[in-house]
């Protein structure tokens, strides 16, 4: 199954919100018009552990849902930037910490029915505070340190609301041997 794109029209072209209206044809000949696609750059997020094994989370207001939520640090990868390098940059900007190790743990698509991007998931370990935050003009971020046990409890109580970040935590915990599956 593959759809053929017959035409595309951009209805918004902004760094954070590029949207287009496509006219598509399915293999059976049916025409799908309109089909809306939001284009976003690749993003990355990491379960970030300090050198003394504390988890660094970020608390910030998320306007689309009107809530302040706790998340793993991350952000968009710059065009042409290596994903792991971009993740290190985002960690430094948002937390002021530099990390000894950045390990890839997965890649997920947030909502492939509408969004065209992926999020790269990492486990960052050995974090050492080196600088103050270097936030973008629209960011207001509080860094929060918690234990791995607290994080796991919050995860089980469904207190981490950002689904991509839940995936990151999940895959990082598996990589660390904190979650196991049999069967």
N, C-alpha and C. Protein backbone atom coordinates (compact mmCIF):
# COMPACT_ATOMS: atom_id res chain seq x y z
N UNK A 1 0.84 -1.19 0.00
CA UNK A 1 0.00 0.00 0.00
C UNK A 1 0.88 1.24 0.00
N UNK A 2 0.62 2.09 -0.92
CA UNK A 2 1.33 3.37 -0.98
C UNK A 2 0.44 4.37 -1.71
N UNK A 3 0.33 5.53 -1.16
CA UNK A 3 -0.46 6.57 -1.80
C UNK A 3 0.43 7.41 -2.70
N UNK A 4 -0.13 7.84 -3.81
CA UNK A 4 0.56 8.75 -4.72
C UNK A 4 0.08 10.17 -4.41
N UNK A 5 1.02 11.09 -4.21
CA UNK A 5 0.66 12.48 -3.96
C UNK A 5 0.46 13.16 -5.32
N UNK A 6 -0.75 13.61 -5.56
CA UNK A 6 -1.09 14.25 -6.83
C UNK A 6 -0.76 15.74 -6.81
N UNK A 7 -0.94 16.36 -5.64
CA UNK A 7 -0.60 17.78 -5.50
C UNK A 7 -0.42 18.11 -4.02
N UNK A 8 0.36 19.16 -3.76
CA UNK A 8 0.57 19.66 -2.40
C UNK A 8 0.50 21.17 -2.43
N UNK A 9 -0.17 21.73 -1.43
CA UNK A 9 -0.26 23.19 -1.30
C UNK A 9 0.07 23.55 0.14
N UNK A 10 1.08 24.41 0.32
CA UNK A 10 1.43 24.83 1.67
C UNK A 10 0.44 25.88 2.16
N UNK A 11 -0.11 25.63 3.34
CA UNK A 11 -1.06 26.58 3.93
C UNK A 11 -0.42 27.34 5.09
N UNK A 12 0.75 26.88 5.55
CA UNK A 12 1.54 27.59 6.55
C UNK A 12 2.98 27.15 6.36
N UNK A 13 3.90 28.11 6.42
CA UNK A 13 5.31 27.77 6.27
C UNK A 13 6.12 28.53 7.32
N UNK A 14 6.18 27.94 8.51
CA UNK A 14 6.86 28.53 9.65
C UNK A 14 7.79 27.47 10.23
N UNK A 15 8.88 27.88 10.83
CA UNK A 15 9.85 26.93 11.37
C UNK A 15 9.20 25.92 12.34
N UNK A 16 8.23 26.35 13.12
CA UNK A 16 7.59 25.45 14.08
C UNK A 16 6.24 24.94 13.63
N UNK A 17 5.72 25.46 12.54
CA UNK A 17 4.43 24.97 12.06
C UNK A 17 4.34 25.14 10.55
N UNK A 18 4.76 24.11 9.85
CA UNK A 18 4.60 24.07 8.41
C UNK A 18 3.52 23.04 8.13
N UNK A 19 2.49 23.47 7.43
CA UNK A 19 1.36 22.58 7.15
C UNK A 19 1.04 22.64 5.66
N UNK A 20 0.65 21.48 5.15
CA UNK A 20 0.28 21.42 3.74
C UNK A 20 -1.01 20.63 3.56
N UNK A 21 -1.66 20.91 2.45
CA UNK A 21 -2.86 20.20 2.04
C UNK A 21 -2.48 19.36 0.83
N UNK A 22 -2.56 18.06 0.97
CA UNK A 22 -2.23 17.15 -0.13
C UNK A 22 -3.49 16.60 -0.77
N UNK A 23 -3.38 16.30 -2.03
CA UNK A 23 -4.40 15.55 -2.76
C UNK A 23 -3.72 14.25 -3.14
N UNK A 24 -4.28 13.11 -2.68
CA UNK A 24 -3.63 11.82 -2.83
C UNK A 24 -4.52 10.83 -3.57
N UNK A 25 -3.86 9.81 -4.12
CA UNK A 25 -4.58 8.71 -4.76
C UNK A 25 -4.09 7.40 -4.17
N UNK A 26 -5.03 6.59 -3.68
CA UNK A 26 -4.69 5.28 -3.15
C UNK A 26 -4.44 4.29 -4.28
N UNK A 27 -3.91 3.13 -3.94
CA UNK A 27 -3.66 2.09 -4.94
C UNK A 27 -4.92 1.65 -5.68
N UNK A 28 -6.06 1.71 -4.98
CA UNK A 28 -7.33 1.30 -5.62
C UNK A 28 -7.96 2.41 -6.46
N UNK A 29 -7.25 3.55 -6.57
CA UNK A 29 -7.74 4.65 -7.40
C UNK A 29 -8.53 5.72 -6.66
N UNK A 30 -8.94 5.44 -5.43
CA UNK A 30 -9.73 6.41 -4.67
C UNK A 30 -8.90 7.67 -4.42
N UNK A 31 -9.53 8.81 -4.54
CA UNK A 31 -8.89 10.11 -4.32
C UNK A 31 -9.17 10.55 -2.88
N UNK A 32 -8.12 10.94 -2.17
CA UNK A 32 -8.23 11.46 -0.80
C UNK A 32 -7.88 12.94 -0.89
N UNK A 33 -8.87 13.79 -0.70
CA UNK A 33 -8.68 15.24 -0.84
C UNK A 33 -9.66 15.95 0.08
N UNK A 34 -9.21 16.69 1.05
CA UNK A 34 -7.81 16.98 1.37
C UNK A 34 -7.25 15.99 2.38
N UNK A 35 -5.91 15.91 2.41
CA UNK A 35 -5.19 15.21 3.48
C UNK A 35 -4.18 16.21 4.02
N UNK A 36 -4.32 16.56 5.29
CA UNK A 36 -3.47 17.59 5.89
C UNK A 36 -2.26 16.95 6.58
N UNK A 37 -1.09 17.53 6.35
CA UNK A 37 0.16 17.06 6.92
C UNK A 37 0.87 18.23 7.59
N UNK A 38 1.30 18.04 8.82
CA UNK A 38 2.11 19.03 9.52
C UNK A 38 3.55 18.55 9.46
N UNK A 39 4.43 19.40 8.93
CA UNK A 39 5.84 19.07 8.80
C UNK A 39 6.60 19.66 9.99
N UNK A 40 7.37 18.82 10.67
CA UNK A 40 8.18 19.25 11.80
C UNK A 40 9.58 18.67 11.66
N UNK A 41 10.58 19.36 12.19
CA UNK A 41 11.93 18.77 12.18
C UNK A 41 11.98 17.57 13.13
N UNK A 42 13.00 16.75 12.96
CA UNK A 42 13.23 15.65 13.90
C UNK A 42 13.47 16.25 15.29
N UNK A 43 12.94 15.59 16.30
CA UNK A 43 13.18 16.03 17.67
C UNK A 43 13.90 14.91 18.41
N UNK A 44 14.40 15.24 19.58
CA UNK A 44 15.10 14.26 20.41
C UNK A 44 14.80 14.54 21.87
N UNK A 45 14.81 13.49 22.66
CA UNK A 45 14.64 13.62 24.10
C UNK A 45 15.46 12.52 24.78
N UNK A 46 15.80 12.75 26.05
CA UNK A 46 16.65 11.78 26.75
C UNK A 46 16.23 11.63 28.20
N UNK A 47 16.31 10.39 28.67
CA UNK A 47 16.29 10.16 30.10
C UNK A 47 17.70 10.52 30.55
N UNK A 48 17.81 11.60 31.31
CA UNK A 48 19.11 12.18 31.66
C UNK A 48 19.45 11.87 33.12
N UNK A 49 20.57 11.18 33.32
CA UNK A 49 21.02 10.82 34.66
C UNK A 49 22.32 11.54 34.98
N UNK A 50 22.34 12.17 36.16
CA UNK A 50 23.55 12.86 36.61
C UNK A 50 24.61 11.84 37.02
N UNK A 51 25.80 12.31 37.27
CA UNK A 51 26.90 11.43 37.70
C UNK A 51 26.56 10.71 39.00
N UNK A 52 25.71 11.32 39.86
CA UNK A 52 25.30 10.65 41.10
C UNK A 52 23.94 9.96 40.95
N UNK A 53 23.58 9.64 39.70
CA UNK A 53 22.41 8.82 39.37
C UNK A 53 21.05 9.46 39.69
N UNK A 54 20.97 10.78 39.67
CA UNK A 54 19.69 11.47 39.79
C UNK A 54 19.13 11.70 38.39
N UNK A 55 17.82 11.65 38.26
CA UNK A 55 17.15 11.90 37.00
C UNK A 55 16.88 13.40 36.89
N UNK A 56 17.26 13.98 35.75
CA UNK A 56 16.95 15.39 35.49
C UNK A 56 15.69 15.46 34.63
N UNK A 57 14.67 16.09 35.17
CA UNK A 57 13.43 16.33 34.43
C UNK A 57 13.28 17.84 34.27
N UNK A 58 12.43 18.25 33.35
CA UNK A 58 12.16 19.67 33.16
C UNK A 58 10.66 19.90 33.32
N UNK A 59 10.34 20.96 34.05
CA UNK A 59 8.94 21.33 34.28
C UNK A 59 8.68 22.60 33.48
N UNK A 60 7.63 22.55 32.65
CA UNK A 60 7.31 23.73 31.87
C UNK A 60 5.83 23.76 31.49
N UNK A 61 5.37 24.96 31.21
CA UNK A 61 3.99 25.17 30.77
C UNK A 61 3.87 24.77 29.31
N UNK A 62 2.84 24.01 28.99
CA UNK A 62 2.55 23.61 27.62
C UNK A 62 1.20 24.20 27.22
N UNK A 63 1.28 25.27 26.45
CA UNK A 63 0.09 26.05 26.10
C UNK A 63 -1.02 25.24 25.41
N UNK A 64 -0.72 24.36 24.45
CA UNK A 64 -1.81 23.63 23.80
C UNK A 64 -2.71 22.85 24.75
N UNK A 65 -2.15 22.35 25.87
CA UNK A 65 -2.99 21.63 26.84
C UNK A 65 -3.27 22.48 28.08
N UNK A 66 -2.68 23.67 28.16
CA UNK A 66 -2.94 24.58 29.28
C UNK A 66 -2.47 24.06 30.62
N UNK A 67 -1.37 23.30 30.64
CA UNK A 67 -0.88 22.71 31.88
C UNK A 67 0.63 22.84 32.00
N UNK A 68 1.10 22.85 33.25
CA UNK A 68 2.52 22.73 33.54
C UNK A 68 2.77 21.24 33.74
N UNK A 69 3.71 20.69 32.97
CA UNK A 69 3.96 19.25 33.06
C UNK A 69 5.46 18.97 33.22
N UNK A 70 5.75 17.78 33.71
CA UNK A 70 7.11 17.31 33.90
C UNK A 70 7.48 16.46 32.68
N UNK A 71 8.66 16.74 32.10
CA UNK A 71 9.09 16.07 30.89
C UNK A 71 10.56 15.69 30.99
N UNK A 72 10.99 14.86 30.05
CA UNK A 72 12.42 14.65 29.87
C UNK A 72 12.93 15.80 29.00
N UNK A 73 14.19 16.22 29.18
CA UNK A 73 14.72 17.32 28.37
C UNK A 73 14.82 16.92 26.90
N UNK A 74 14.67 17.89 26.02
CA UNK A 74 14.80 17.62 24.60
C UNK A 74 14.35 18.78 23.75
N UNK A 75 14.33 18.57 22.46
CA UNK A 75 13.90 19.61 21.55
C UNK A 75 14.17 19.22 20.10
N UNK A 76 14.05 20.21 19.22
CA UNK A 76 14.24 19.97 17.79
C UNK A 76 15.72 19.90 17.44
N UNK A 77 16.04 19.04 16.50
CA UNK A 77 17.40 18.91 15.97
C UNK A 77 17.55 19.92 14.83
N UNK A 78 18.65 20.65 14.83
CA UNK A 78 18.90 21.64 13.78
C UNK A 78 19.15 20.95 12.44
N UNK A 79 18.78 21.60 11.33
CA UNK A 79 19.02 21.01 10.02
C UNK A 79 20.50 20.66 9.84
N UNK A 80 20.77 19.43 9.39
CA UNK A 80 22.13 18.97 9.16
C UNK A 80 22.89 18.54 10.40
N UNK A 81 22.26 18.67 11.57
CA UNK A 81 22.92 18.32 12.83
C UNK A 81 22.76 16.82 13.10
N UNK A 82 23.83 16.18 13.54
CA UNK A 82 23.78 14.79 13.98
C UNK A 82 22.83 14.70 15.17
N UNK A 83 22.00 13.66 15.21
CA UNK A 83 20.98 13.55 16.26
C UNK A 83 21.57 13.53 17.67
N UNK A 84 22.62 12.74 17.88
CA UNK A 84 23.24 12.66 19.22
C UNK A 84 23.86 14.00 19.60
N UNK A 85 24.47 14.68 18.64
CA UNK A 85 25.04 16.01 18.90
C UNK A 85 23.94 17.00 19.26
N UNK A 86 22.83 16.94 18.54
CA UNK A 86 21.68 17.80 18.85
C UNK A 86 21.11 17.51 20.24
N UNK A 87 21.10 16.24 20.62
CA UNK A 87 20.61 15.88 21.95
C UNK A 87 21.52 16.44 23.02
N UNK A 88 22.82 16.33 22.82
CA UNK A 88 23.78 16.90 23.79
C UNK A 88 23.57 18.41 23.91
N UNK A 89 23.36 19.08 22.78
CA UNK A 89 23.14 20.53 22.79
C UNK A 89 21.87 20.87 23.55
N UNK A 90 20.79 20.14 23.29
CA UNK A 90 19.52 20.40 23.98
C UNK A 90 19.66 20.18 25.49
N UNK A 91 20.36 19.12 25.88
CA UNK A 91 20.57 18.86 27.31
C UNK A 91 21.32 20.02 27.96
N UNK A 92 22.36 20.49 27.32
CA UNK A 92 23.16 21.60 27.86
C UNK A 92 22.32 22.87 27.95
N UNK A 93 21.56 23.17 26.89
CA UNK A 93 20.74 24.39 26.87
C UNK A 93 19.66 24.36 27.95
N UNK A 94 18.97 23.23 28.08
CA UNK A 94 17.83 23.16 28.99
C UNK A 94 18.21 22.93 30.44
N UNK A 95 19.32 22.23 30.69
CA UNK A 95 19.66 21.87 32.07
C UNK A 95 20.97 22.48 32.56
N UNK A 96 21.87 22.86 31.65
CA UNK A 96 23.19 23.32 32.04
C UNK A 96 24.16 22.18 32.30
N UNK A 97 23.72 20.93 32.08
CA UNK A 97 24.54 19.75 32.32
C UNK A 97 25.15 19.25 31.00
N UNK A 98 26.38 18.76 31.10
CA UNK A 98 27.03 18.05 30.01
C UNK A 98 27.05 16.57 30.40
N UNK A 99 26.90 15.69 29.43
CA UNK A 99 26.78 14.26 29.71
C UNK A 99 27.92 13.47 29.08
N UNK A 100 28.46 12.55 29.88
CA UNK A 100 29.57 11.71 29.46
C UNK A 100 29.15 10.76 28.34
N UNK A 101 27.96 10.17 28.46
CA UNK A 101 27.48 9.19 27.48
C UNK A 101 26.08 9.53 26.99
N UNK A 102 25.88 9.42 25.69
CA UNK A 102 24.56 9.57 25.07
C UNK A 102 24.34 8.30 24.26
N UNK A 103 23.34 7.51 24.64
CA UNK A 103 23.10 6.23 24.00
C UNK A 103 21.71 6.20 23.38
N UNK A 104 21.64 5.86 22.11
CA UNK A 104 20.37 5.75 21.39
C UNK A 104 19.57 4.58 21.94
N UNK A 105 18.27 4.81 22.24
CA UNK A 105 17.43 3.71 22.73
C UNK A 105 16.19 3.47 21.87
N UNK A 106 15.88 4.38 20.95
CA UNK A 106 14.71 4.15 20.11
C UNK A 106 14.34 5.35 19.26
N UNK A 107 13.37 5.12 18.41
CA UNK A 107 12.86 6.15 17.50
C UNK A 107 11.37 5.93 17.35
N UNK A 108 10.59 6.98 17.57
CA UNK A 108 9.14 6.86 17.49
C UNK A 108 8.54 8.01 16.69
N UNK A 109 7.37 7.75 16.12
CA UNK A 109 6.59 8.77 15.42
C UNK A 109 5.42 9.14 16.32
N UNK A 110 5.31 10.41 16.66
CA UNK A 110 4.29 10.86 17.62
C UNK A 110 2.87 10.64 17.11
N UNK A 111 2.60 11.08 15.91
CA UNK A 111 1.26 10.96 15.35
C UNK A 111 1.39 10.93 13.83
N UNK A 112 1.76 9.77 13.26
CA UNK A 112 2.03 9.69 11.83
C UNK A 112 0.81 9.88 10.94
N UNK A 113 -0.36 10.02 11.53
CA UNK A 113 -1.55 10.34 10.75
C UNK A 113 -1.59 11.81 10.36
N UNK A 114 -0.81 12.64 11.06
CA UNK A 114 -0.80 14.09 10.81
C UNK A 114 0.62 14.64 10.73
N UNK A 115 1.50 14.17 11.61
CA UNK A 115 2.86 14.71 11.70
C UNK A 115 3.83 13.85 10.89
N UNK A 116 4.81 14.51 10.24
CA UNK A 116 5.75 13.77 9.39
C UNK A 116 7.10 13.51 10.05
N UNK A 117 7.26 13.84 11.33
CA UNK A 117 8.58 13.71 11.94
C UNK A 117 8.68 12.53 12.90
N UNK A 118 9.92 12.24 13.25
CA UNK A 118 10.24 11.23 14.25
C UNK A 118 10.90 11.92 15.44
N UNK A 119 10.88 11.23 16.58
CA UNK A 119 11.62 11.67 17.76
C UNK A 119 12.64 10.59 18.10
N UNK A 120 13.89 11.02 18.21
CA UNK A 120 14.99 10.14 18.58
C UNK A 120 15.05 10.08 20.11
N UNK A 121 15.17 8.88 20.65
CA UNK A 121 15.14 8.68 22.10
C UNK A 121 16.51 8.24 22.59
N UNK A 122 16.95 8.85 23.71
CA UNK A 122 18.30 8.59 24.22
C UNK A 122 18.29 8.35 25.73
N UNK A 123 19.35 7.70 26.17
CA UNK A 123 19.70 7.59 27.58
C UNK A 123 21.00 8.36 27.74
N UNK A 124 20.98 9.41 28.54
CA UNK A 124 22.18 10.22 28.80
C UNK A 124 22.63 9.94 30.22
N UNK A 125 23.91 9.62 30.39
CA UNK A 125 24.42 9.30 31.73
C UNK A 125 25.70 10.09 32.02
N UNK A 126 26.00 10.19 33.31
CA UNK A 126 27.22 10.87 33.74
C UNK A 126 27.13 12.38 33.69
N UNK A 127 25.94 12.93 33.85
CA UNK A 127 25.74 14.37 33.76
C UNK A 127 26.44 15.16 34.86
N UNK A 128 27.16 16.22 34.45
CA UNK A 128 27.84 17.12 35.37
C UNK A 128 27.38 18.55 35.05
N UNK A 129 26.97 19.27 36.09
CA UNK A 129 26.55 20.67 35.90
C UNK A 129 27.76 21.49 35.47
N UNK A 130 27.64 22.16 34.31
CA UNK A 130 28.75 22.94 33.78
C UNK A 130 28.40 24.40 33.54
N UNK A 131 27.12 24.70 33.43
CA UNK A 131 26.74 26.05 33.01
C UNK A 131 25.31 26.31 33.47
N UNK A 132 24.87 27.53 33.27
CA UNK A 132 23.47 27.85 33.50
C UNK A 132 22.68 27.49 32.24
N UNK A 133 21.37 27.47 32.36
CA UNK A 133 20.53 27.19 31.20
C UNK A 133 20.73 28.25 30.13
N UNK A 134 20.59 27.85 28.88
CA UNK A 134 20.64 28.76 27.73
C UNK A 134 19.34 28.59 26.97
N UNK A 135 18.26 29.15 27.50
CA UNK A 135 16.92 28.89 26.98
C UNK A 135 16.60 29.78 25.78
N UNK A 136 15.74 29.24 24.91
CA UNK A 136 15.19 30.03 23.81
C UNK A 136 14.27 31.09 24.39
N UNK A 137 13.97 32.12 23.60
CA UNK A 137 13.15 33.24 24.08
C UNK A 137 11.77 32.81 24.56
N UNK A 138 11.25 31.71 24.02
CA UNK A 138 9.90 31.27 24.40
C UNK A 138 9.90 30.17 25.45
N UNK A 139 11.06 29.86 26.02
CA UNK A 139 11.14 28.78 27.00
C UNK A 139 11.24 29.32 28.43
N UNK A 140 10.53 28.65 29.30
CA UNK A 140 10.54 28.94 30.73
C UNK A 140 10.57 27.57 31.40
N UNK A 141 11.77 27.11 31.77
CA UNK A 141 11.96 25.73 32.18
C UNK A 141 12.60 25.66 33.56
N UNK A 142 11.98 24.85 34.43
CA UNK A 142 12.54 24.57 35.75
C UNK A 142 13.12 23.16 35.71
N UNK A 143 14.39 23.02 36.11
CA UNK A 143 15.03 21.71 36.17
C UNK A 143 14.69 21.08 37.52
N UNK A 144 14.27 19.82 37.47
CA UNK A 144 13.87 19.09 38.67
C UNK A 144 14.68 17.80 38.76
N UNK A 145 15.30 17.56 39.92
CA UNK A 145 16.04 16.31 40.16
C UNK A 145 15.18 15.36 40.96
N UNK A 146 15.07 14.12 40.48
CA UNK A 146 14.34 13.08 41.21
C UNK A 146 15.14 11.79 41.14
N UNK A 147 14.77 10.84 41.99
CA UNK A 147 15.43 9.53 41.96
C UNK A 147 14.79 8.65 40.88
N UNK A 148 15.50 7.61 40.50
CA UNK A 148 14.93 6.65 39.55
C UNK A 148 13.68 6.00 40.11
N UNK A 149 13.67 5.73 41.41
CA UNK A 149 12.48 5.15 42.04
C UNK A 149 11.29 6.10 41.95
N UNK A 150 11.54 7.41 42.19
CA UNK A 150 10.46 8.40 42.06
C UNK A 150 9.93 8.45 40.63
N UNK A 151 10.85 8.41 39.67
CA UNK A 151 10.45 8.44 38.27
C UNK A 151 9.59 7.24 37.93
N UNK A 152 10.01 6.06 38.35
CA UNK A 152 9.24 4.85 38.07
C UNK A 152 7.86 4.92 38.70
N UNK A 153 7.78 5.42 39.93
CA UNK A 153 6.48 5.56 40.60
C UNK A 153 5.59 6.55 39.84
N UNK A 154 6.16 7.67 39.41
CA UNK A 154 5.39 8.65 38.64
C UNK A 154 4.90 8.05 37.33
N UNK A 155 5.74 7.26 36.70
CA UNK A 155 5.37 6.61 35.45
C UNK A 155 4.19 5.66 35.68
N UNK A 156 4.26 4.87 36.73
CA UNK A 156 3.19 3.92 37.03
C UNK A 156 1.89 4.60 37.43
N UNK A 157 1.99 5.80 38.02
CA UNK A 157 0.78 6.57 38.37
C UNK A 157 0.30 7.42 37.20
N UNK A 158 0.93 7.29 36.05
CA UNK A 158 0.60 8.02 34.83
C UNK A 158 0.68 9.54 35.03
N UNK A 159 1.70 9.97 35.75
CA UNK A 159 1.90 11.39 36.00
C UNK A 159 2.79 12.06 34.95
N UNK A 160 3.47 11.27 34.14
CA UNK A 160 4.25 11.82 33.02
C UNK A 160 3.30 11.82 31.83
N UNK A 161 2.93 13.01 31.36
CA UNK A 161 1.86 13.12 30.37
C UNK A 161 2.33 13.20 28.92
N UNK A 162 3.59 13.52 28.70
CA UNK A 162 4.09 13.67 27.34
C UNK A 162 4.42 12.27 26.81
N UNK A 163 3.62 11.79 25.86
CA UNK A 163 3.72 10.39 25.43
C UNK A 163 5.08 10.03 24.84
N UNK A 164 5.71 10.92 24.08
CA UNK A 164 7.03 10.63 23.53
C UNK A 164 8.04 10.44 24.65
N UNK A 165 7.89 11.21 25.72
CA UNK A 165 8.81 11.13 26.85
C UNK A 165 8.57 9.87 27.66
N UNK A 166 7.33 9.42 27.73
CA UNK A 166 7.03 8.15 28.38
C UNK A 166 7.74 7.02 27.62
N UNK A 167 7.67 7.07 26.29
CA UNK A 167 8.37 6.08 25.48
C UNK A 167 9.87 6.11 25.74
N UNK A 168 10.43 7.30 25.82
CA UNK A 168 11.86 7.44 26.08
C UNK A 168 12.22 6.82 27.42
N UNK A 169 11.47 7.14 28.45
CA UNK A 169 11.72 6.58 29.78
C UNK A 169 11.63 5.06 29.74
N UNK A 170 10.58 4.56 29.11
CA UNK A 170 10.35 3.12 29.00
C UNK A 170 11.54 2.42 28.35
N UNK A 171 11.97 2.89 27.18
CA UNK A 171 13.08 2.25 26.47
C UNK A 171 14.41 2.41 27.21
N UNK A 172 14.60 3.56 27.86
CA UNK A 172 15.83 3.77 28.62
C UNK A 172 15.88 2.83 29.83
N UNK A 173 14.76 2.66 30.51
CA UNK A 173 14.72 1.74 31.65
C UNK A 173 15.01 0.30 31.22
N UNK A 174 14.52 -0.08 30.05
CA UNK A 174 14.83 -1.41 29.52
C UNK A 174 16.33 -1.52 29.26
N UNK A 175 16.91 -0.50 28.62
CA UNK A 175 18.34 -0.49 28.31
C UNK A 175 19.17 -0.60 29.59
N UNK A 176 18.69 0.02 30.67
CA UNK A 176 19.40 0.00 31.95
C UNK A 176 19.17 -1.29 32.73
N UNK A 177 18.28 -2.15 32.24
CA UNK A 177 17.98 -3.39 32.95
C UNK A 177 17.00 -3.20 34.09
N UNK A 178 16.31 -2.05 34.13
CA UNK A 178 15.34 -1.78 35.21
C UNK A 178 13.97 -2.36 34.89
N UNK A 179 13.71 -2.66 33.62
CA UNK A 179 12.47 -3.33 33.19
C UNK A 179 12.87 -4.54 32.37
N UNK A 180 12.18 -5.64 32.57
CA UNK A 180 12.48 -6.84 31.80
C UNK A 180 11.19 -7.45 31.29
N UNK A 181 11.31 -8.08 30.14
CA UNK A 181 10.16 -8.76 29.55
C UNK A 181 10.55 -10.21 29.28
N UNK A 182 9.59 -11.09 29.48
CA UNK A 182 9.80 -12.48 29.17
C UNK A 182 8.72 -12.93 28.19
N UNK A 183 9.01 -13.98 27.49
CA UNK A 183 7.98 -14.53 26.61
C UNK A 183 8.32 -14.36 25.23
